[in-house]
Amino acid sequence: ALDKDSLPKEIVLERQAEIQEMEKIFSISNRLSKL
């Protein structure tokens, strides 16, 4: 396993953006499933 410090910050920011997008999609689908 890589230490987070060894990863370039661009990659870390990219991963965070991907996670945020996935969380958005999950929250939207959860809202739709509750309708």
N, C-alpha and C. Protein backbone atom coordinates (compact mmCIF):
# COMPACT_ATOMS: atom_id res chain seq x y z
N ALA A 1 0.85 -1.21 0.00
CA ALA A 1 0.00 0.00 0.00
C ALA A 1 0.87 1.24 0.00
N LEU A 2 0.45 2.22 -0.78
CA LEU A 2 1.20 3.47 -0.85
C LEU A 2 0.78 4.41 0.27
N ASP A 3 1.74 5.15 0.78
CA ASP A 3 1.39 6.21 1.73
C ASP A 3 0.77 7.36 0.95
N LYS A 4 -0.18 8.04 1.57
CA LYS A 4 -0.81 9.18 0.88
C LYS A 4 0.22 10.25 0.55
N ASP A 5 1.24 10.39 1.41
CA ASP A 5 2.25 11.42 1.19
C ASP A 5 3.07 11.15 -0.07
N SER A 6 3.14 9.88 -0.48
CA SER A 6 3.93 9.55 -1.65
C SER A 6 3.18 9.79 -2.96
N LEU A 7 1.88 10.04 -2.86
CA LEU A 7 1.10 10.30 -4.06
C LEU A 7 1.16 11.78 -4.42
N PRO A 8 1.26 12.07 -5.71
CA PRO A 8 1.17 13.47 -6.12
C PRO A 8 -0.18 14.06 -5.71
N LYS A 9 -0.16 15.34 -5.34
CA LYS A 9 -1.40 15.97 -4.88
C LYS A 9 -2.47 15.97 -5.97
N GLU A 10 -2.04 16.04 -7.24
CA GLU A 10 -3.04 16.05 -8.33
C GLU A 10 -3.86 14.77 -8.29
N ILE A 11 -3.19 13.64 -8.06
CA ILE A 11 -3.90 12.36 -8.04
C ILE A 11 -4.86 12.32 -6.85
N VAL A 12 -4.40 12.83 -5.71
CA VAL A 12 -5.26 12.83 -4.52
C VAL A 12 -6.50 13.69 -4.79
N LEU A 13 -6.31 14.86 -5.38
CA LEU A 13 -7.45 15.73 -5.67
C LEU A 13 -8.38 15.07 -6.68
N GLU A 14 -7.80 14.37 -7.65
CA GLU A 14 -8.62 13.68 -8.65
C GLU A 14 -9.48 12.62 -7.99
N ARG A 15 -8.87 11.85 -7.09
CA ARG A 15 -9.62 10.81 -6.38
C ARG A 15 -10.74 11.43 -5.55
N GLN A 16 -10.44 12.55 -4.87
CA GLN A 16 -11.47 13.20 -4.06
C GLN A 16 -12.62 13.66 -4.94
N ALA A 17 -12.31 14.18 -6.13
CA ALA A 17 -13.36 14.63 -7.04
C ALA A 17 -14.20 13.44 -7.49
N GLU A 18 -13.56 12.30 -7.78
CA GLU A 18 -14.31 11.11 -8.19
C GLU A 18 -15.23 10.65 -7.06
N ILE A 19 -14.71 10.66 -5.84
CA ILE A 19 -15.52 10.22 -4.70
C ILE A 19 -16.71 11.16 -4.52
N GLN A 20 -16.49 12.46 -4.66
CA GLN A 20 -17.59 13.41 -4.52
C GLN A 20 -18.64 13.17 -5.60
N GLU A 21 -18.21 12.89 -6.83
CA GLU A 21 -19.17 12.61 -7.91
C GLU A 21 -19.98 11.37 -7.58
N MET A 22 -19.30 10.33 -7.08
CA MET A 22 -20.03 9.10 -6.75
C MET A 22 -21.03 9.35 -5.63
N GLU A 23 -20.61 10.14 -4.63
CA GLU A 23 -21.53 10.45 -3.53
C GLU A 23 -22.74 11.22 -4.04
N LYS A 24 -22.51 12.13 -4.99
CA LYS A 24 -23.63 12.88 -5.58
C LYS A 24 -24.59 11.92 -6.27
N ILE A 25 -24.04 11.00 -7.07
CA ILE A 25 -24.88 10.05 -7.80
C ILE A 25 -25.66 9.18 -6.82
N PHE A 26 -24.98 8.73 -5.76
CA PHE A 26 -25.68 7.89 -4.78
C PHE A 26 -26.80 8.66 -4.11
N SER A 27 -26.55 9.91 -3.72
CA SER A 27 -27.59 10.68 -3.02
C SER A 27 -28.76 10.95 -3.95
N ILE A 28 -28.48 11.20 -5.23
CA ILE A 28 -29.57 11.44 -6.20
C ILE A 28 -30.39 10.17 -6.39
N SER A 29 -29.71 9.03 -6.54
CA SER A 29 -30.46 7.78 -6.74
C SER A 29 -31.24 7.41 -5.49
N ASN A 30 -30.69 7.72 -4.31
CA ASN A 30 -31.43 7.46 -3.07
C ASN A 30 -32.70 8.30 -3.03
N ARG A 31 -32.56 9.57 -3.43
CA ARG A 31 -33.72 10.46 -3.43
C ARG A 31 -34.78 9.93 -4.41
N LEU A 32 -34.33 9.50 -5.58
CA LEU A 32 -35.27 9.01 -6.58
C LEU A 32 -35.97 7.74 -6.10
N SER A 33 -35.22 6.88 -5.42
CA SER A 33 -35.82 5.61 -4.97
C SER A 33 -36.85 5.84 -3.86
N LYS A 34 -36.75 6.99 -3.18
CA LYS A 34 -37.71 7.27 -2.11
C LYS A 34 -38.99 7.91 -2.63
N LEU A 35 -38.98 8.35 -3.87
CA LEU A 35 -40.18 8.99 -4.43
C LEU A 35 -41.30 7.97 -4.63
